[in-house]
Amino acid sequence: MIERELKLLLDARAVKQVQVHYAVMTAGYMVVIDGKNLETNKRQIRVFKTLDTAARFLFKTGIAEFAVKLRTV
């Protein structure tokens, strides 16, 4: 899911769950919306360097609540 698709879902109030996962391989954080990774326009997983930058991005797009998962098994 790219940012444009996320905005469409937010406008339709269709987003149910937002999570920020710690990405071990990249030592960063990725955003997961309703089970789908947030991606760049080139369809690569968008990785945020810090949790703060991920939170700032979500807040800027209109998402005020999200869960943080530091370990995914």
C-alpha atoms as a PDB file:
ATOM      1  CA  MET A   1       0.000   0.000   0.000  1.00  0.00           C
ATOM      2  CA  ILE A   2       1.434   3.359  -0.993  1.00  0.00           C
ATOM      3  CA  GLU A   3       0.739   6.697   0.695  1.00  0.00           C
ATOM      4  CA  ARG A   4      -1.889   7.713  -1.862  1.00  0.00           C
ATOM      5  CA  GLU A   5      -3.865   4.513  -1.189  1.00  0.00           C
ATOM      6  CA  LEU A   6      -3.596   5.136   2.552  1.00  0.00           C
ATOM      7  CA  LYS A   7      -5.083   8.612   2.168  1.00  0.00           C
ATOM      8  CA  LEU A   8      -7.994   7.198   0.168  1.00  0.00           C
ATOM      9  CA  LEU A   9      -8.680   4.622   2.885  1.00  0.00           C
ATOM     10  CA  LEU A  10      -8.487   7.289   5.582  1.00  0.00           C
ATOM     11  CA  ASP A  11     -10.937   9.504   3.685  1.00  0.00           C
ATOM     12  CA  ALA A  12     -13.336   6.544   3.457  1.00  0.00           C
ATOM     13  CA  ARG A  13     -12.729   5.748   7.150  1.00  0.00           C
ATOM     14  CA  ALA A  14     -11.846   2.197   6.153  1.00  0.00           C
ATOM     15  CA  VAL A  15      -8.644   1.803   8.210  1.00  0.00           C
ATOM     16  CA  LYS A  16      -9.162  -0.574  11.113  1.00  0.00           C
ATOM     17  CA  GLN A  17      -5.698  -1.242  12.517  1.00  0.00           C
ATOM     18  CA  VAL A  18      -2.353   0.559  12.336  1.00  0.00           C
ATOM     19  CA  GLN A  19       0.825  -0.936  13.741  1.00  0.00           C
ATOM     20  CA  VAL A  20       4.476   0.055  13.705  1.00  0.00           C
ATOM     21  CA  HIS A  21       6.812  -2.962  13.625  1.00  0.00           C
ATOM     22  CA  TYR A  22      10.501  -3.001  14.381  1.00  0.00           C
ATOM     23  CA  ALA A  23      12.276  -4.258  11.252  1.00  0.00           C
ATOM     24  CA  VAL A  24      15.304  -6.218  12.466  1.00  0.00           C
ATOM     25  CA  MET A  25      16.964  -6.614   9.071  1.00  0.00           C
ATOM     26  CA  THR A  26      16.994  -2.875   8.367  1.00  0.00           C
ATOM     27  CA  ALA A  27      17.256  -1.683  11.991  1.00  0.00           C
ATOM     28  CA  GLY A  28      14.299   0.606  11.454  1.00  0.00           C
ATOM     29  CA  TYR A  29      10.523   0.711  11.750  1.00  0.00           C
ATOM     30  CA  MET A  30       7.855  -0.162   9.203  1.00  0.00           C
ATOM     31  CA  VAL A  31       4.187   0.794   9.215  1.00  0.00           C
ATOM     32  CA  VAL A  32       1.577  -1.949   8.778  1.00  0.00           C
ATOM     33  CA  ILE A  33      -1.990  -0.912   7.982  1.00  0.00           C
ATOM     34  CA  ASP A  34      -4.681  -3.584   8.123  1.00  0.00           C
ATOM     35  CA  GLY A  35      -2.006  -6.234   7.545  1.00  0.00           C
ATOM     36  CA  LYS A  36      -0.363  -4.508   4.566  1.00  0.00           C
ATOM     37  CA  ASN A  37       3.048  -2.822   4.636  1.00  0.00           C
ATOM     38  CA  LEU A  38       3.344   0.844   3.760  1.00  0.00           C
ATOM     39  CA  GLU A  39       5.446   1.042   0.593  1.00  0.00           C
ATOM     40  CA  THR A  40       7.292   3.611  -1.471  1.00  0.00           C
ATOM     41  CA  ASN A  41       6.116   4.523  -4.964  1.00  0.00           C
ATOM     42  CA  LYS A  42       8.580   1.912  -6.252  1.00  0.00           C
ATOM     43  CA  ARG A  43       6.717  -0.742  -4.202  1.00  0.00           C
ATOM     44  CA  GLN A  44       9.515  -1.269  -1.691  1.00  0.00           C
ATOM     45  CA  ILE A  45       8.717  -1.400   2.014  1.00  0.00           C
ATOM     46  CA  ARG A  46       9.039   2.078   3.500  1.00  0.00           C
ATOM     47  CA  VAL A  47      11.375   1.983   6.491  1.00  0.00           C
ATOM     48  CA  PHE A  48      11.611   4.771   9.047  1.00  0.00           C
ATOM     49  CA  LYS A  49      14.900   5.217  10.877  1.00  0.00           C
ATOM     50  CA  THR A  50      13.303   5.958  14.266  1.00  0.00           C
ATOM     51  CA  LEU A  51       9.982   5.377  15.965  1.00  0.00           C
ATOM     52  CA  ASP A  52       9.591   9.148  16.242  1.00  0.00           C
ATOM     53  CA  THR A  53       9.764   9.634  12.481  1.00  0.00           C
ATOM     54  CA  ALA A  54       7.185   6.884  11.928  1.00  0.00           C
ATOM     55  CA  ALA A  55       4.890   8.467  14.532  1.00  0.00           C
ATOM     56  CA  ARG A  56       5.370  11.920  13.000  1.00  0.00           C
ATOM     57  CA  PHE A  57       4.455  10.553   9.563  1.00  0.00           C
ATOM     58  CA  LEU A  58       1.319   8.851  10.892  1.00  0.00           C
ATOM     59  CA  PHE A  59       0.223  11.951  12.785  1.00  0.00           C
ATOM     60  CA  LYS A  60       0.766  14.096   9.683  1.00  0.00           C
ATOM     61  CA  THR A  61      -1.437  11.770   7.621  1.00  0.00           C
ATOM     62  CA  GLY A  62      -4.210  11.906  10.219  1.00  0.00           C
ATOM     63  CA  ILE A  63      -3.613   8.782  12.294  1.00  0.00           C
ATOM     64  CA  ALA A  64      -3.487   9.504  16.013  1.00  0.00           C
ATOM     65  CA  GLU A  65      -3.632   5.936  17.376  1.00  0.00           C
ATOM     66  CA  PHE A  66      -1.388   3.022  16.537  1.00  0.00           C
ATOM     67  CA  ALA A  67       0.201   0.018  18.219  1.00  0.00           C
ATOM     68  CA  VAL A  68       3.922  -0.622  18.411  1.00  0.00           C
ATOM     69  CA  LYS A  69       5.325  -4.149  18.029  1.00  0.00           C
ATOM     70  CA  LEU A  70       8.984  -4.440  18.873  1.00  0.00           C
ATOM     71  CA  ARG A  71       9.178  -8.180  18.400  1.00  0.00           C
ATOM     72  CA  THR A  72       7.351 -10.120  15.711  1.00  0.00           C
ATOM     73  CA  VAL A  73       7.478 -13.881  15.913  1.00  0.00           C
END
